[in-house]
PDB file of N, CA and C in Angstrom:
ATOM      1  N   MET A   1       0.735  -1.255  -0.020  1.00  0.00           N
ATOM      2  CA  MET A   1      -0.283  -0.006  -0.066  1.00  0.00           C
ATOM      3  C   MET A   1       0.997   1.216  -0.157  1.00  0.00           C
ATOM      4  N   ALA A   2       0.611   2.194  -0.947  1.00  0.00           N
ATOM      5  CA  ALA A   2       1.385   3.290  -1.038  1.00  0.00           C
ATOM      6  C   ALA A   2       0.842   4.392  -0.133  1.00  0.00           C
ATOM      7  N   THR A   3       1.933   5.436   0.402  1.00  0.00           N
ATOM      8  CA  THR A   3       1.362   6.302   1.561  1.00  0.00           C
ATOM      9  C   THR A   3       1.146   7.259   0.636  1.00  0.00           C
ATOM     10  N   PRO A   4       0.307   8.022   0.946  1.00  0.00           N
ATOM     11  CA  PRO A   4      -0.325   9.095   0.316  1.00  0.00           C
ATOM     12  C   PRO A   4       0.958  10.491   0.434  1.00  0.00           C
ATOM     13  N   ASP A   5       0.950  11.227  -1.049  1.00  0.00           N
ATOM     14  CA  ASP A   5       1.509  12.422  -1.035  1.00  0.00           C
ATOM     15  C   ASP A   5       0.884  13.590  -0.111  1.00  0.00           C
ATOM     16  N   ARG A   6       1.540  13.768   0.763  1.00  0.00           N
ATOM     17  CA  ARG A   6       0.869  15.047   1.511  1.00  0.00           C
ATOM     18  C   ARG A   6       1.557  16.339   1.075  1.00  0.00           C
ATOM     19  N   THR A   7       2.484  16.421   0.255  1.00  0.00           N
ATOM     20  CA  THR A   7       2.584  17.745  -0.148  1.00  0.00           C
ATOM     21  C   THR A   7       2.055  18.534  -1.012  1.00  0.00           C
ATOM     22  N   LYS A   8       0.821  17.883  -1.714  1.00  0.00           N
ATOM     23  CA  LYS A   8      -0.154  18.413  -2.601  1.00  0.00           C
ATOM     24  C   LYS A   8      -1.367  18.562  -1.858  1.00  0.00           C
ATOM     25  N   THR A   9      -1.946  19.780  -1.737  1.00  0.00           N
ATOM     26  CA  THR A   9      -3.273  19.846  -1.154  1.00  0.00           C
ATOM     27  C   THR A   9      -4.248  19.993  -2.313  1.00  0.00           C
ATOM     28  N   THR A  10      -5.501  19.369  -1.740  1.00  0.00           N
ATOM     29  CA  THR A  10      -6.372  19.360  -2.604  1.00  0.00           C
ATOM     30  C   THR A  10      -7.519  20.258  -2.237  1.00  0.00           C
ATOM     31  N   THR A  11      -7.419  20.856  -1.294  1.00  0.00           N
ATOM     32  CA  THR A  11      -8.489  21.709  -0.643  1.00  0.00           C
ATOM     33  C   THR A  11      -8.882  23.039  -1.664  1.00  0.00           C
ATOM     34  N   GLN A  12      -9.805  23.420  -1.788  1.00  0.00           N
ATOM     35  CA  GLN A  12     -10.154  24.815  -2.478  1.00  0.00           C
ATOM     36  C   GLN A  12     -10.195  25.837  -1.911  1.00  0.00           C
ATOM     37  N   PRO A  13      -9.553  26.915  -2.235  1.00  0.00           N
ATOM     38  CA  PRO A  13      -9.804  28.282  -1.191  1.00  0.00           C
ATOM     39  C   PRO A  13     -11.283  28.557  -1.170  1.00  0.00           C
ATOM     40  N   ALA A  14     -11.432  29.234   0.062  1.00  0.00           N
ATOM     41  CA  ALA A  14     -12.937  29.691   0.282  1.00  0.00           C
ATOM     42  C   ALA A  14     -13.241  30.684  -0.977  1.00  0.00           C
ATOM     43  N   GLU A  15     -14.591  31.092  -1.107  1.00  0.00           N
ATOM     44  CA  GLU A  15     -15.012  31.702  -1.906  1.00  0.00           C
ATOM     45  C   GLU A  15     -14.975  33.210  -1.469  1.00  0.00           C
ATOM     46  N   HIS A  16     -14.205  33.759  -2.491  1.00  0.00           N
ATOM     47  CA  HIS A  16     -14.149  35.499  -2.271  1.00  0.00           C
ATOM     48  C   HIS A  16     -15.791  36.342  -2.239  1.00  0.00           C
ATOM     49  N   LEU A  17     -15.835  36.769  -1.197  1.00  0.00           N
ATOM     50  CA  LEU A  17     -16.998  38.114  -1.772  1.00  0.00           C
ATOM     51  C   LEU A  17     -16.503  39.094  -1.484  1.00  0.00           C
ATOM     52  N   HIS A  18     -16.911  39.890  -2.803  1.00  0.00           N
ATOM     53  CA  HIS A  18     -16.555  41.456  -2.782  1.00  0.00           C
ATOM     54  C   HIS A  18     -16.764  41.912  -1.700  1.00  0.00           C
ATOM     55  N   GLY A  19     -15.786  42.881  -1.152  1.00  0.00           N
ATOM     56  CA  GLY A  19     -16.237  43.632  -0.107  1.00  0.00           C
ATOM     57  C   GLY A  19     -15.807  43.244   1.237  1.00  0.00           C
ATOM     58  N   THR A  20     -15.617  42.125   1.161  1.00  0.00           N
ATOM     59  CA  THR A  20     -15.186  41.274   2.793  1.00  0.00           C
ATOM     60  C   THR A  20     -13.918  41.487   3.054  1.00  0.00           C
ATOM     61  N   MET A  21     -12.924  41.939   2.364  1.00  0.00           N
ATOM     62  CA  MET A  21     -11.482  41.541   2.948  1.00  0.00           C
ATOM     63  C   MET A  21     -11.120  42.791   3.629  1.00  0.00           C
ATOM     64  N   ASP A  22     -10.304  42.620   4.840  1.00  0.00           N
ATOM     65  CA  ASP A  22      -9.992  43.700   5.795  1.00  0.00           C
ATOM     66  C   ASP A  22      -8.849  44.192   4.942  1.00  0.00           C
ATOM     67  N   VAL A  23      -8.983  45.492   4.600  1.00  0.00           N
ATOM     68  CA  VAL A  23      -8.001  46.197   4.147  1.00  0.00           C
ATOM     69  C   VAL A  23      -7.282  47.345   4.705  1.00  0.00           C
ATOM     70  N   THR A  24      -7.520  47.192   5.749  1.00  0.00           N
ATOM     71  CA  THR A  24      -6.978  48.470   6.773  1.00  0.00           C
ATOM     72  C   THR A  24      -5.194  48.633   6.614  1.00  0.00           C
ATOM     73  N   ALA A  25      -4.860  47.490   6.334  1.00  0.00           N
ATOM     74  CA  ALA A  25      -3.136  47.226   6.754  1.00  0.00           C
ATOM     75  C   ALA A  25      -2.904  47.873   5.351  1.00  0.00           C
ATOM     76  N   HIS A  26      -3.492  47.412   3.999  1.00  0.00           N
ATOM     77  CA  HIS A  26      -3.250  48.236   2.804  1.00  0.00           C
ATOM     78  C   HIS A  26      -3.596  49.464   2.699  1.00  0.00           C
ATOM     79  N   GLU A  27      -4.510  50.130   3.420  1.00  0.00           N
ATOM     80  CA  GLU A  27      -4.730  51.575   3.128  1.00  0.00           C
ATOM     81  C   GLU A  27      -3.694  52.190   3.896  1.00  0.00           C
ATOM     82  N   ARG A  28      -3.230  51.702   5.053  1.00  0.00           N
ATOM     83  CA  ARG A  28      -2.208  52.177   6.091  1.00  0.00           C
ATOM     84  C   ARG A  28      -1.147  52.300   5.295  1.00  0.00           C
ATOM     85  N   THR A  29      -0.754  51.386   4.721  1.00  0.00           N
ATOM     86  CA  THR A  29       0.477  51.148   4.031  1.00  0.00           C
ATOM     87  C   THR A  29       0.456  52.507   2.608  1.00  0.00           C
ATOM     88  N   PHE A  30      -0.757  52.545   1.886  1.00  0.00           N
ATOM     89  CA  PHE A  30      -1.063  53.344   0.985  1.00  0.00           C
ATOM     90  C   PHE A  30      -0.643  54.725   1.008  1.00  0.00           C
ATOM     91  N   HIS A  31      -1.419  55.376   2.394  1.00  0.00           N
ATOM     92  CA  HIS A  31      -1.089  56.875   3.035  1.00  0.00           C
ATOM     93  C   HIS A  31       0.305  56.761   3.300  1.00  0.00           C
ATOM     94  N   GLY A  32       0.993  55.786   3.898  1.00  0.00           N
ATOM     95  CA  GLY A  32       2.306  56.289   4.280  1.00  0.00           C
ATOM     96  C   GLY A  32       3.059  56.561   3.074  1.00  0.00           C
ATOM     97  N   PHE A  33       2.954  55.402   2.180  1.00  0.00           N
ATOM     98  CA  PHE A  33       3.637  55.476   0.855  1.00  0.00           C
ATOM     99  C   PHE A  33       3.468  56.930   0.008  1.00  0.00           C
ATOM    100  N   VAL A  34       2.432  57.376  -0.100  1.00  0.00           N
ATOM    101  CA  VAL A  34       1.834  58.916  -0.571  1.00  0.00           C
ATOM    102  C   VAL A  34       2.536  60.046   0.632  1.00  0.00           C
ATOM    103  N   ARG A  35       2.439  59.560   1.592  1.00  0.00           N
ATOM    104  CA  ARG A  35       2.751  61.116   2.598  1.00  0.00           C
ATOM    105  C   ARG A  35       4.743  60.906   2.350  1.00  0.00           C
ATOM    106  N   LEU A  36       5.330  59.799   2.063  1.00  0.00           N
ATOM    107  CA  LEU A  36       6.659  59.509   2.013  1.00  0.00           C
ATOM    108  C   LEU A  36       6.821  60.247   0.847  1.00  0.00           C
ATOM    109  N   ALA A  37       6.153  59.947  -0.240  1.00  0.00           N
ATOM    110  CA  ALA A  37       6.297  60.545  -1.692  1.00  0.00           C
ATOM    111  C   ALA A  37       6.035  62.005  -1.734  1.00  0.00           C
ATOM    112  N   ALA A  38       5.425  62.730  -0.583  1.00  0.00           N
ATOM    113  CA  ALA A  38       4.825  64.124  -0.949  1.00  0.00           C
ATOM    114  C   ALA A  38       6.287  64.950  -0.050  1.00  0.00           C
ATOM    115  N   TRP A  39       6.593  64.185   0.942  1.00  0.00           N
ATOM    116  CA  TRP A  39       8.014  64.540   1.730  1.00  0.00           C
ATOM    117  C   TRP A  39       9.052  64.876   0.794  1.00  0.00           C
ATOM    118  N   ASN A  40       9.156  63.510  -0.086  1.00  0.00           N
ATOM    119  CA  ASN A  40      10.397  63.793  -1.210  1.00  0.00           C
ATOM    120  C   ASN A  40      10.264  64.414  -2.133  1.00  0.00           C
ATOM    121  N   ALA A  41       8.785  64.864  -2.392  1.00  0.00           N
ATOM    122  CA  ALA A  41       8.833  65.663  -3.544  1.00  0.00           C
ATOM    123  C   ALA A  41       9.335  67.065  -2.798  1.00  0.00           C
ATOM    124  N   LEU A  42       9.006  67.673  -1.479  1.00  0.00           N
ATOM    125  CA  LEU A  42       9.225  68.826  -0.901  1.00  0.00           C
ATOM    126  C   LEU A  42      10.455  69.004  -0.674  1.00  0.00           C
ATOM    127  N   ALA A  43      11.092  67.856  -0.396  1.00  0.00           N
ATOM    128  CA  ALA A  43      12.432  67.884  -0.166  1.00  0.00           C
ATOM    129  C   ALA A  43      13.420  68.137  -1.277  1.00  0.00           C
ATOM    130  N   ILE A  44      13.081  67.523  -2.502  1.00  0.00           N
ATOM    131  CA  ILE A  44      13.821  67.759  -4.035  1.00  0.00           C
ATOM    132  C   ILE A  44      13.471  69.022  -4.257  1.00  0.00           C
ATOM    133  N   ALA A  45      12.066  69.847  -4.194  1.00  0.00           N
ATOM    134  CA  ALA A  45      11.846  71.136  -4.359  1.00  0.00           C
ATOM    135  C   ALA A  45      12.605  71.998  -3.654  1.00  0.00           C
ATOM    136  N   VAL A  46      13.219  71.523  -2.374  1.00  0.00           N
ATOM    137  CA  VAL A  46      14.130  72.681  -1.501  1.00  0.00           C
ATOM    138  C   VAL A  46      15.430  72.669  -2.165  1.00  0.00           C
ATOM    139  N   VAL A  47      15.813  71.389  -2.469  1.00  0.00           N
ATOM    140  CA  VAL A  47      17.277  71.188  -2.904  1.00  0.00           C
ATOM    141  C   VAL A  47      17.445  71.996  -3.868  1.00  0.00           C
ATOM    142  N   LEU A  48      16.499  71.840  -5.140  1.00  0.00           N
ATOM    143  CA  LEU A  48      16.775  72.402  -6.165  1.00  0.00           C
ATOM    144  C   LEU A  48      16.703  73.927  -6.083  1.00  0.00           C
ATOM    145  N   ILE A  49      15.438  74.599  -5.120  1.00  0.00           N
ATOM    146  CA  ILE A  49      15.624  75.943  -4.958  1.00  0.00           C
ATOM    147  C   ILE A  49      16.997  76.464  -4.391  1.00  0.00           C
ATOM    148  N   PHE A  50      17.374  75.621  -3.645  1.00  0.00           N
ATOM    149  CA  PHE A  50      19.112  76.077  -2.779  1.00  0.00           C
ATOM    150  C   PHE A  50      19.834  75.993  -3.952  1.00  0.00           C
ATOM    151  N   LEU A  51      19.947  75.196  -4.828  1.00  0.00           N
ATOM    152  CA  LEU A  51      21.008  74.943  -5.817  1.00  0.00           C
ATOM    153  C   LEU A  51      20.914  76.126  -6.724  1.00  0.00           C
ATOM    154  N   ALA A  52      19.353  76.720  -7.195  1.00  0.00           N
ATOM    155  CA  ALA A  52      19.387  77.736  -7.909  1.00  0.00           C
ATOM    156  C   ALA A  52      19.951  79.031  -7.315  1.00  0.00           C
ATOM    157  N   LEU A  53      19.543  79.403  -5.855  1.00  0.00           N
ATOM    158  CA  LEU A  53      20.015  80.210  -5.270  1.00  0.00           C
ATOM    159  C   LEU A  53      21.513  80.494  -4.902  1.00  0.00           C
ATOM    160  N   ALA A  54      22.096  79.178  -4.844  1.00  0.00           N
ATOM    161  CA  ALA A  54      23.590  79.133  -5.063  1.00  0.00           C
ATOM    162  C   ALA A  54      24.468  79.300  -6.056  1.00  0.00           C
ATOM    163  N   ASN A  55      23.607  79.446  -7.287  1.00  0.00           N
ATOM    164  CA  ASN A  55      24.492  79.343  -8.553  1.00  0.00           C
ATOM    165  C   ASN A  55      25.121  78.136  -8.834  1.00  0.00           C
ATOM    166  N   ALA A  56      24.534  77.263  -8.495  1.00  0.00           N
ATOM    167  CA  ALA A  56      25.109  75.655  -8.783  1.00  0.00           C
ATOM    168  C   ALA A  56      25.614  75.317 -10.030  1.00  0.00           C
TER     169      ALA A  56
END
Protein backbone atom coordinates (compact mmCIF):
# COMPACT_ATOMS: atom_id res chain seq x y z
CA MET A 1 0.00 0.00 0.00
CA ALA A 2 1.44 3.37 -1.05
CA THR A 3 1.59 6.26 1.40
CA PRO A 4 -0.34 9.35 0.32
CA ASP A 5 1.63 12.35 -0.91
CA ARG A 6 1.04 15.02 1.73
CA THR A 7 2.86 17.77 -0.18
CA LYS A 8 -0.08 18.31 -2.53
CA THR A 9 -3.17 19.96 -1.16
CA THR A 10 -6.52 19.29 -2.71
CA THR A 11 -8.58 21.75 -0.70
CA GLN A 12 -10.19 24.58 -2.59
CA PRO A 13 -9.82 28.16 -1.35
CA ALA A 14 -12.85 29.77 0.22
CA GLU A 15 -15.05 31.70 -2.14
CA HIS A 16 -14.18 35.39 -2.24
CA LEU A 17 -17.00 37.79 -1.58
CA HIS A 18 -16.36 41.31 -2.89
CA GLY A 19 -15.99 43.86 -0.11
CA THR A 20 -15.38 41.39 2.73
CA MET A 21 -11.58 41.56 2.92
CA ASP A 22 -10.01 43.61 5.71
CA VAL A 23 -7.92 46.23 3.91
CA THR A 24 -6.92 48.47 6.81
CA ALA A 25 -3.26 47.40 6.56
CA HIS A 26 -3.29 48.07 2.81
CA GLU A 27 -4.81 51.51 3.31
CA ARG A 28 -2.32 52.39 6.05
CA THR A 29 0.58 51.32 3.81
CA PHE A 30 -0.77 53.29 0.85
CA HIS A 31 -1.25 56.46 2.92
CA GLY A 32 2.27 56.05 4.30
CA PHE A 33 3.63 55.71 0.77
CA VAL A 34 1.77 58.84 -0.39
CA ARG A 35 3.03 60.77 2.64
CA LEU A 36 6.61 59.63 1.95
CA ALA A 37 6.33 60.59 -1.72
CA ALA A 38 5.02 64.04 -0.80
CA TRP A 39 7.86 64.65 1.65
CA ASN A 40 10.39 63.50 -0.95
CA ALA A 41 8.92 65.86 -3.54
CA LEU A 42 9.11 68.72 -1.04
CA ALA A 43 12.73 67.86 -0.18
CA ILE A 44 13.69 67.76 -3.86
CA ALA A 45 12.03 71.13 -4.44
CA VAL A 46 13.93 72.64 -1.50
CA VAL A 47 17.23 71.25 -2.80
CA LEU A 48 16.55 72.61 -6.29
CA ILE A 49 15.68 76.06 -4.92
CA PHE A 50 18.85 76.03 -2.83
CA LEU A 51 20.93 75.08 -5.87
CA ALA A 52 19.32 77.83 -7.93
CA LEU A 53 20.02 80.42 -5.23
CA ALA A 54 23.60 79.23 -4.77
CA ASN A 55 24.27 79.40 -8.55
CA ALA A 56 25.36 75.77 -8.61
